[in-house]
Protein backbone atom coordinates (compact mmCIF):
# COMPACT_ATOMS: atom_id res chain seq x y z
CA MET A 1 8.52 -42.48 -68.01
CA ARG A 2 8.67 -42.57 -64.24
CA GLU A 3 6.45 -45.16 -62.45
CA LEU A 4 3.59 -44.31 -60.37
CA LYS A 5 4.58 -44.32 -56.47
CA PRO A 6 2.67 -47.07 -54.81
CA ASP A 7 1.94 -44.97 -51.59
CA LEU A 8 0.17 -42.36 -53.76
CA VAL A 9 -1.76 -44.80 -56.17
CA GLN A 10 -4.83 -45.60 -54.04
CA PRO A 11 -7.87 -46.55 -56.28
CA GLY A 12 -11.20 -45.91 -54.73
CA THR A 13 -9.79 -43.67 -51.93
CA PRO A 14 -12.31 -40.92 -50.69
CA GLY A 15 -11.36 -37.70 -52.62
CA GLY A 16 -9.18 -39.51 -55.25
CA THR A 17 -11.39 -41.33 -57.68
CA VAL A 18 -10.97 -40.88 -61.29
CA PRO A 19 -14.22 -39.79 -62.96
CA THR A 20 -15.91 -42.10 -65.43
CA GLY A 21 -18.57 -41.93 -67.93
CA ALA A 22 -20.39 -38.56 -68.31
CA ASP A 23 -18.54 -37.40 -65.11
CA ALA A 24 -15.25 -37.64 -66.97
CA ARG A 25 -16.28 -34.48 -68.87
CA VAL A 26 -16.42 -32.53 -65.70
CA PRO A 27 -12.71 -31.54 -64.74
CA LEU A 28 -11.13 -32.99 -61.64
CA TRP A 29 -10.62 -29.50 -60.06
CA ARG A 30 -14.35 -29.18 -59.89
CA THR A 31 -15.38 -32.82 -58.76
CA ALA A 32 -12.92 -34.21 -56.47
CA PRO A 33 -14.22 -34.15 -52.70
CA SER A 34 -10.86 -33.13 -51.22
CA GLN A 35 -9.75 -29.54 -51.71
CA ARG A 36 -6.08 -30.68 -51.76
CA THR A 37 -6.85 -32.73 -54.71
CA ARG A 38 -9.04 -29.95 -56.34
CA ASP A 39 -6.38 -27.27 -55.61
CA LEU A 40 -3.51 -29.25 -57.34
CA ALA A 41 -5.76 -30.26 -60.32
CA TRP A 42 -6.38 -26.73 -60.90
CA CYS A 43 -2.88 -25.65 -60.74
CA THR A 44 -1.96 -28.44 -63.42
CA LEU A 45 -5.10 -29.17 -65.43
CA SER A 46 -7.19 -26.10 -65.76
CA PRO A 47 -7.04 -24.11 -69.09
CA PRO A 48 -4.53 -21.42 -69.54
CA LEU A 49 -5.34 -17.65 -69.82
CA LEU A 50 -3.55 -17.31 -73.14
CA SER A 51 -3.62 -19.31 -76.26
CA ALA A 52 -0.86 -16.90 -77.92
CA LEU A 53 1.36 -14.18 -76.87
CA PRO A 54 0.39 -10.59 -78.18
CA ASP A 55 2.37 -9.48 -81.45
CA GLU A 56 4.18 -7.07 -79.34
CA TYR A 57 6.38 -9.83 -77.88
CA HIS A 58 7.37 -11.34 -81.25
CA ARG A 59 10.97 -10.21 -80.70
CA GLU A 60 11.20 -11.86 -77.16
CA VAL A 61 12.70 -15.14 -76.37
CA ALA A 62 9.23 -16.33 -74.80
CA ARG A 63 6.60 -18.92 -75.36
CA LEU A 64 3.57 -20.14 -73.46
CA ALA A 65 4.34 -23.20 -71.40
CA GLN A 66 3.79 -26.65 -72.76
CA TRP A 67 3.68 -30.14 -71.07
CA PRO A 68 5.66 -32.89 -72.95
CA ALA A 69 3.31 -35.03 -75.10
CA GLY A 70 1.48 -37.48 -73.16
CA ALA A 71 2.76 -36.15 -69.74
CA ARG A 72 -0.37 -34.10 -68.75
CA ALA A 73 -2.71 -37.00 -69.43
CA ALA A 74 -0.44 -39.29 -67.37
CA TRP A 75 -0.36 -36.79 -64.39
CA GLN A 76 -4.30 -36.44 -64.66
CA ALA A 77 -4.46 -40.12 -64.29
CA TRP A 78 -1.96 -40.09 -61.48
CA LEU A 79 -3.72 -37.36 -59.64
CA GLY A 80 -7.05 -39.08 -60.14
CA TYR A 81 -6.03 -41.99 -57.97
CA ALA A 82 -3.69 -40.27 -55.44
CA ASP A 83 -4.51 -40.51 -51.79
CA PRO A 84 -5.45 -36.91 -50.80
CA GLY A 85 -3.75 -37.48 -47.30
CA THR A 86 -0.38 -37.41 -49.12
CA LEU A 87 -0.89 -34.28 -51.17
CA PRO A 88 0.10 -30.66 -50.34
CA GLU A 89 -1.98 -29.04 -47.55
CA THR A 90 -4.38 -26.28 -48.59
CA ILE A 91 -3.57 -22.71 -47.37
CA ALA A 92 -6.34 -22.98 -44.74
CA GLU A 93 -4.70 -26.15 -43.19
CA LEU A 94 -1.21 -24.43 -43.48
CA SER A 95 -2.39 -21.47 -41.37
CA GLY A 96 -3.84 -23.80 -38.85
CA HIS A 97 -0.32 -24.91 -37.46
CA PRO A 98 2.77 -22.81 -36.72
CA ASP A 99 5.66 -22.41 -39.18
CA PRO A 100 8.81 -22.72 -37.03
CA THR A 101 10.99 -21.53 -39.81
CA GLY A 102 9.00 -18.53 -40.64
CA SER A 103 9.60 -19.16 -44.23
CA ARG A 104 6.18 -20.72 -45.41
CA SER A 105 4.21 -18.03 -47.29
CA LEU A 106 0.26 -18.05 -47.30
CA ARG A 107 0.02 -16.06 -50.29
CA LEU A 108 -2.35 -17.44 -52.99
CA GLY A 109 0.43 -16.96 -55.57
CA ARG A 110 3.15 -18.84 -53.64
CA HIS A 111 0.65 -21.67 -52.72
CA ALA A 112 0.02 -22.13 -56.52
CA GLU A 113 3.78 -22.46 -57.01
CA ARG A 114 4.25 -24.94 -54.31
CA LEU A 115 1.55 -27.05 -55.97
CA LEU A 116 3.08 -26.93 -59.40
CA HIS A 117 6.48 -27.82 -57.80
CA PHE A 118 4.92 -30.92 -56.40
CA ALA A 119 3.23 -31.86 -59.65
CA LEU A 120 6.78 -31.64 -61.39
CA GLN A 121 8.39 -33.77 -58.76
CA HIS A 122 5.74 -36.54 -59.36
CA ALA A 123 4.47 -36.09 -63.03
CA PRO A 124 5.59 -39.11 -65.26
CA GLY A 125 7.92 -37.81 -67.93
CA MET A 126 9.10 -34.84 -66.18
CA THR A 127 12.15 -34.02 -63.83
CA LEU A 128 12.00 -31.09 -61.59
CA MET A 129 15.73 -29.75 -61.17
CA SER A 130 15.06 -26.71 -59.03
CA ALA A 131 12.68 -24.08 -57.53
CA ASN A 132 12.58 -20.60 -56.47
CA VAL A 133 16.08 -20.06 -57.46
CA PRO A 134 17.55 -16.50 -56.62
CA ILE A 135 19.59 -14.91 -59.25
CA ARG A 136 22.29 -12.61 -57.69
CA ARG A 137 24.90 -10.47 -59.27
CA ALA A 138 27.88 -8.62 -57.97
CA ASN A 139 28.28 -4.99 -58.66
CA GLY A 140 30.02 -1.88 -57.50
CA HIS A 141 27.73 -1.83 -54.41
CA GLY A 142 27.80 -5.40 -53.50
CA ILE A 143 25.62 -8.41 -54.37
CA GLN A 144 22.28 -7.40 -56.15
CA THR A 145 19.44 -9.77 -56.33
CA LEU A 146 18.12 -9.67 -59.93
CA GLY A 147 15.00 -11.88 -59.41
CA GLU A 148 14.04 -15.57 -58.74
CA LEU A 149 13.47 -18.38 -61.14
CA ASP A 150 10.17 -19.99 -60.27
CA LEU A 151 10.71 -23.53 -61.76
CA ILE A 152 13.66 -25.34 -63.77
CA TRP A 153 12.75 -28.73 -65.08
CA ARG A 154 14.32 -31.31 -67.72
CA ASP A 155 12.24 -32.48 -70.38
CA PRO A 156 13.73 -36.03 -70.82
CA ALA A 157 12.04 -36.73 -74.29
CA GLN A 158 13.66 -33.71 -75.88
CA ASP A 159 16.70 -33.49 -73.60
CA GLN A 160 15.97 -29.95 -72.90
CA VAL A 161 16.21 -27.72 -69.84
CA VAL A 162 12.95 -25.71 -69.43
CA HIS A 163 12.38 -22.57 -67.22
CA TRP A 164 8.78 -21.83 -66.30
CA GLU A 165 7.67 -18.68 -64.72
CA MET A 166 4.29 -19.22 -63.12
CA ALA A 167 1.44 -16.86 -62.23
CA ALA A 168 -2.15 -17.63 -60.98
CA LYS A 169 -4.13 -14.22 -61.50
CA PHE A 170 -7.82 -12.99 -61.25
CA TYR A 171 -8.64 -10.01 -63.54
CA LEU A 172 -11.97 -7.91 -63.89
CA MET A 173 -12.36 -6.33 -67.31
CA VAL A 174 -13.51 -2.71 -67.26
CA ASP A 175 -15.74 -0.79 -69.59
CA GLY A 176 -15.92 -3.77 -71.98
CA VAL A 177 -12.87 -2.59 -73.82
CA ALA A 178 -10.72 -5.33 -75.23
CA ASP A 179 -7.21 -4.19 -74.02
CA ARG A 180 -4.77 -6.19 -71.78
CA ARG A 181 -4.47 -3.17 -69.36
CA ALA A 182 -8.32 -2.91 -69.06
CA PHE A 183 -8.03 -6.31 -67.04
CA VAL A 184 -7.48 -4.96 -63.52
CA GLY A 185 -6.96 -7.03 -60.02
CA PRO A 186 -9.98 -6.50 -57.66
CA ASN A 187 -7.64 -4.60 -55.52
CA LEU A 188 -6.60 -2.41 -58.44
CA VAL A 189 -2.96 -3.04 -57.90
CA ASP A 190 -2.25 -5.27 -60.76
CA ARG A 191 -3.01 -5.30 -64.38
CA LEU A 192 -2.77 -8.13 -67.02
CA GLY A 193 -0.67 -6.32 -69.41
CA ASP A 194 1.66 -5.13 -66.83
CA LYS A 195 2.04 -8.74 -65.50
CA LEU A 196 2.70 -10.09 -68.86
CA ASP A 197 5.40 -7.54 -69.59
CA HIS A 198 7.04 -8.32 -66.23
CA ILE A 199 7.06 -11.94 -66.90
CA VAL A 200 8.13 -11.69 -70.62
CA ARG A 201 10.80 -8.72 -70.40
CA ARG A 202 12.10 -9.19 -66.85
CA GLN A 203 11.59 -12.63 -65.32
CA LEU A 204 11.97 -15.06 -68.36
CA PRO A 205 15.42 -13.28 -69.31
CA LEU A 206 16.81 -14.31 -65.99
CA GLY A 207 16.97 -17.83 -67.05
CA ARG A 208 19.29 -17.21 -69.80
CA THR A 209 21.99 -15.28 -67.65
CA THR A 210 25.35 -16.60 -66.86
CA GLU A 211 24.46 -16.71 -63.16
CA ALA A 212 21.36 -19.02 -64.02
CA GLU A 213 23.39 -21.38 -65.89
CA ALA A 214 26.11 -21.62 -63.20
CA LEU A 215 23.44 -22.17 -60.61
CA VAL A 216 21.27 -24.72 -62.66
CA GLY A 217 24.28 -26.41 -64.07
CA ALA A 218 23.30 -26.27 -67.48
CA PRO A 219 21.91 -23.75 -70.18
CA VAL A 220 18.13 -23.02 -70.41
CA ASN A 221 16.78 -24.21 -73.73
CA ARG A 222 13.33 -23.11 -73.30
CA SER A 223 11.75 -19.98 -71.34
CA GLU A 224 7.98 -20.26 -70.79
CA ILE A 225 5.07 -18.54 -69.19
CA TYR A 226 2.85 -20.70 -67.07
CA LEU A 227 -0.21 -18.30 -66.66
CA LEU A 228 -3.47 -19.44 -64.95
CA GLY A 229 -6.48 -17.81 -63.65
CA TRP A 230 -9.84 -16.40 -64.15
CA LEU A 231 -11.09 -13.31 -65.98
CA PHE A 232 -14.39 -11.51 -65.05
CA TYR A 233 -16.67 -9.56 -67.23
CA ARG A 234 -19.54 -7.04 -66.41
CA ASP A 235 -22.56 -9.04 -65.61
CA GLY A 236 -21.02 -12.24 -67.40
CA VAL A 237 -20.89 -10.59 -70.98
CA LEU A 238 -17.82 -11.41 -72.98
CA PRO A 239 -16.70 -8.58 -75.29
CA PRO A 240 -15.58 -9.08 -78.79
CA GLY A 241 -11.86 -8.92 -79.72
CA LEU A 242 -10.58 -11.16 -76.83
CA ALA A 243 -8.85 -13.61 -79.46
CA SER A 244 -6.75 -10.57 -80.79
CA LEU A 245 -5.20 -10.11 -77.16
CA GLY A 246 -4.22 -13.76 -77.20
CA ILE A 247 -7.00 -14.72 -74.63
CA ALA A 248 -7.62 -18.51 -74.76
CA PRO A 249 -11.21 -19.45 -76.08
CA ASP A 250 -11.72 -21.91 -73.36
CA HIS A 251 -10.18 -19.73 -70.50
CA LEU A 252 -11.83 -19.78 -67.14
CA HIS A 253 -14.39 -16.73 -66.70
CA GLY A 254 -16.88 -15.41 -64.52
CA TRP A 255 -18.74 -12.05 -64.03
CA TRP A 256 -18.66 -8.94 -61.90
CA SER A 257 -21.77 -6.81 -61.03
CA THR A 258 -22.81 -4.09 -58.65
CA LEU A 259 -24.73 -5.23 -55.83
CA ASP A 260 -28.08 -4.15 -57.17
CA ALA A 261 -27.61 -5.80 -60.52
CA TRP A 262 -26.36 -9.01 -58.99
CA TYR A 263 -29.28 -9.31 -56.65
CA ALA A 264 -31.74 -8.47 -59.61
CA ARG A 265 -30.24 -11.20 -61.62
CA ALA A 266 -30.15 -13.63 -58.83
CA ALA A 267 -33.61 -13.28 -57.65
CA ALA A 268 -35.04 -13.46 -61.35
CA GLN A 269 -32.99 -16.77 -61.84
CA ASP A 270 -33.64 -18.42 -58.27
CA HIS A 271 -36.02 -21.46 -58.75
CA GLY A 272 -35.31 -22.84 -55.25
CA THR A 273 -32.26 -24.87 -56.37
CA THR A 274 -29.75 -22.04 -55.79
CA ARG A 275 -27.70 -21.09 -52.63
CA TRP A 276 -24.66 -18.66 -52.38
CA CYS A 277 -21.37 -18.36 -50.48
CA ARG A 278 -18.74 -15.93 -49.98
CA LEU A 279 -15.42 -17.29 -51.26
CA PRO A 280 -12.30 -16.40 -49.22
CA ARG A 281 -9.25 -15.50 -51.16
CA VAL A 282 -7.53 -18.67 -49.95
CA ASP A 283 -10.21 -20.88 -51.80
CA TRP A 284 -10.04 -18.95 -55.12
CA LEU A 285 -8.31 -21.57 -57.24
CA CYS A 286 -10.63 -24.53 -57.67
CA GLY A 287 -14.34 -25.12 -57.66
CA ALA A 288 -16.15 -24.49 -54.43
CA ARG A 289 -17.70 -27.34 -52.41
CA VAL A 290 -19.54 -26.26 -49.46
CA SER A 291 -21.79 -27.80 -46.95
CA GLU A 292 -25.34 -26.46 -46.68
CA ALA A 293 -24.50 -24.72 -43.29
CA GLY A 294 -21.90 -22.59 -45.13
CA THR A 295 -24.46 -21.41 -47.78
CA GLU A 296 -26.77 -18.36 -47.78
CA ASP A 297 -29.85 -17.38 -49.71
CA ALA A 298 -29.37 -14.22 -52.13
CA ALA A 299 -31.47 -11.76 -49.89
CA THR A 300 -29.33 -12.64 -46.75
CA LEU A 301 -26.11 -12.20 -48.81
CA ARG A 302 -27.31 -9.11 -50.35
CA ASP A 303 -28.00 -7.49 -46.89
CA THR A 304 -24.41 -8.63 -45.61
CA LEU A 305 -22.68 -7.17 -48.56
CA ALA A 306 -24.61 -3.95 -48.31
CA ARG A 307 -23.50 -3.70 -44.62
CA ARG A 308 -19.96 -4.24 -45.69
CA PHE A 309 -19.86 -1.79 -48.40
CA ALA A 310 -21.39 0.69 -46.05
CA ASP A 311 -18.74 0.11 -43.15
CA PRO A 312 -18.20 3.70 -41.73
CA GLU A 313 -14.88 2.48 -40.08
CA GLN A 314 -12.94 0.09 -42.36
CA VAL A 315 -11.94 1.49 -45.57
CA TRP A 316 -10.80 -1.70 -47.03
CA ARG A 317 -14.09 -3.39 -46.40
CA ARG A 318 -16.10 -0.54 -48.10
CA GLU A 319 -13.68 -0.61 -51.18
CA ALA A 320 -12.84 -4.24 -51.87
CA PRO A 321 -14.93 -6.40 -54.19
CA VAL A 322 -16.20 -9.64 -52.75
CA MET A 323 -15.97 -12.88 -54.55
CA ILE A 324 -19.17 -15.03 -54.25
CA CYS A 325 -20.27 -18.28 -55.75
CA GLU A 326 -23.61 -19.44 -57.00
CA LEU A 327 -24.21 -23.06 -55.86
CA GLU A 328 -26.30 -25.87 -56.78
CA PRO A 329 -26.76 -29.34 -55.24
CA ALA A 330 -24.10 -31.87 -55.66
CA VAL A 331 -25.40 -35.07 -57.45
CA ASN A 332 -25.93 -37.99 -54.99
CA GLU A 333 -24.53 -36.09 -52.07
CA PRO A 334 -27.15 -34.71 -49.85
CA GLY A 335 -26.12 -31.58 -48.03
CA VAL A 336 -23.18 -30.67 -50.31
CA TRP A 337 -23.35 -27.67 -52.54
CA VAL A 338 -21.14 -27.21 -55.58
CA GLU A 339 -20.00 -24.16 -57.81
CA ARG A 340 -22.27 -23.31 -60.70
CA SER A 341 -20.78 -19.98 -61.41
CA ARG A 342 -18.49 -17.36 -59.70
CA GLY A 343 -18.12 -13.65 -59.68
CA PHE A 344 -17.25 -10.28 -57.75
CA VAL A 345 -19.86 -7.92 -56.25
CA VAL A 346 -18.22 -4.68 -56.29
CA PRO A 347 -18.86 -1.64 -54.15
CA PRO A 348 -20.46 1.47 -55.55
CA ASP A 349 -17.37 3.37 -56.48
CA TRP A 350 -15.41 0.45 -57.67
CA GLU A 351 -16.03 0.77 -61.35
CA ALA A 352 -14.97 4.36 -61.52
CA ARG A 353 -11.73 3.80 -59.62
CA ALA A 354 -11.00 0.60 -61.92
CA ALA A 355 -11.48 2.72 -65.03
CA LEU A 356 -9.00 5.23 -63.74
CA ARG A 357 -6.53 2.40 -62.80
CA ALA A 358 -7.01 0.93 -66.36
CA THR A 359 -5.98 4.00 -68.16
CA ARG A 360 -3.11 5.08 -65.84
CA PRO A 361 0.54 4.50 -67.37
């Protein structure tokens, strides 16, 4: 097991303190003051979306990602004491200064991959071999790019080479139907069933090609899916039958509601200890921590969203759901509000469009 690096082990540094006692039950990706720590913790320590692959994939050489025995706990301890100043920057920080190479992606999925790369470079008991490896093959028309391997790492305990394909996804279930294709992305481009098919049947097999073996320098012994994210249900009600789809019982989940339904619920439950905030996409991964100046009451937020959904000029503002967070005061931190729940408020015609998308081949 690799030793912890001294420059990253900083007990008691702001943003890097390991929770103790009752606080230890609250995950680091919710509690750490630094968003760098929270983002990295979310990408490595939050529960997966799936506990099993659906039966239709029983013929495929694929499995869900597994950390080596003891490695995840050791990484959690490592990260709990790490100095946030030495951890990867957030997307907001990256966007604040230029990228002279022009190669730095600010997309949320790429950011999550970068964080997992960093974790495998520093996690005790794991050795990162390569990342974002393009697989190319010569054909009659030249060189064809078949795809890219997200992560290749060595499991020293079992002396195996492991290929991980990572995805961080956010899906809303429409009509309460327990079907993987009824989980659609807020922009209606992506579906959970389609994403899983693409990973299992197109991306994972690339790791077993002769081209991959030549680039990695060794055959891949295991091909695994590292799928994280959040699922959102109508008004927060989970339908029956999720276990049959392989959805993990402890998966992260929130709610989605129309503007009127959300506000009615928010007004009924508000006892003076609740604030709200809109959560930009770059902050979707980890639990929100917001200064009081960045919060709103429910009535003000309702008016803002109503104007957005009625925008006469910008179609994308009218049609796009907005993720918001319900906030509560942080314990012993005056002026700081932390996430209690999260969900999407959807525009009036979104549900009909989502239902159509869910049934489209």
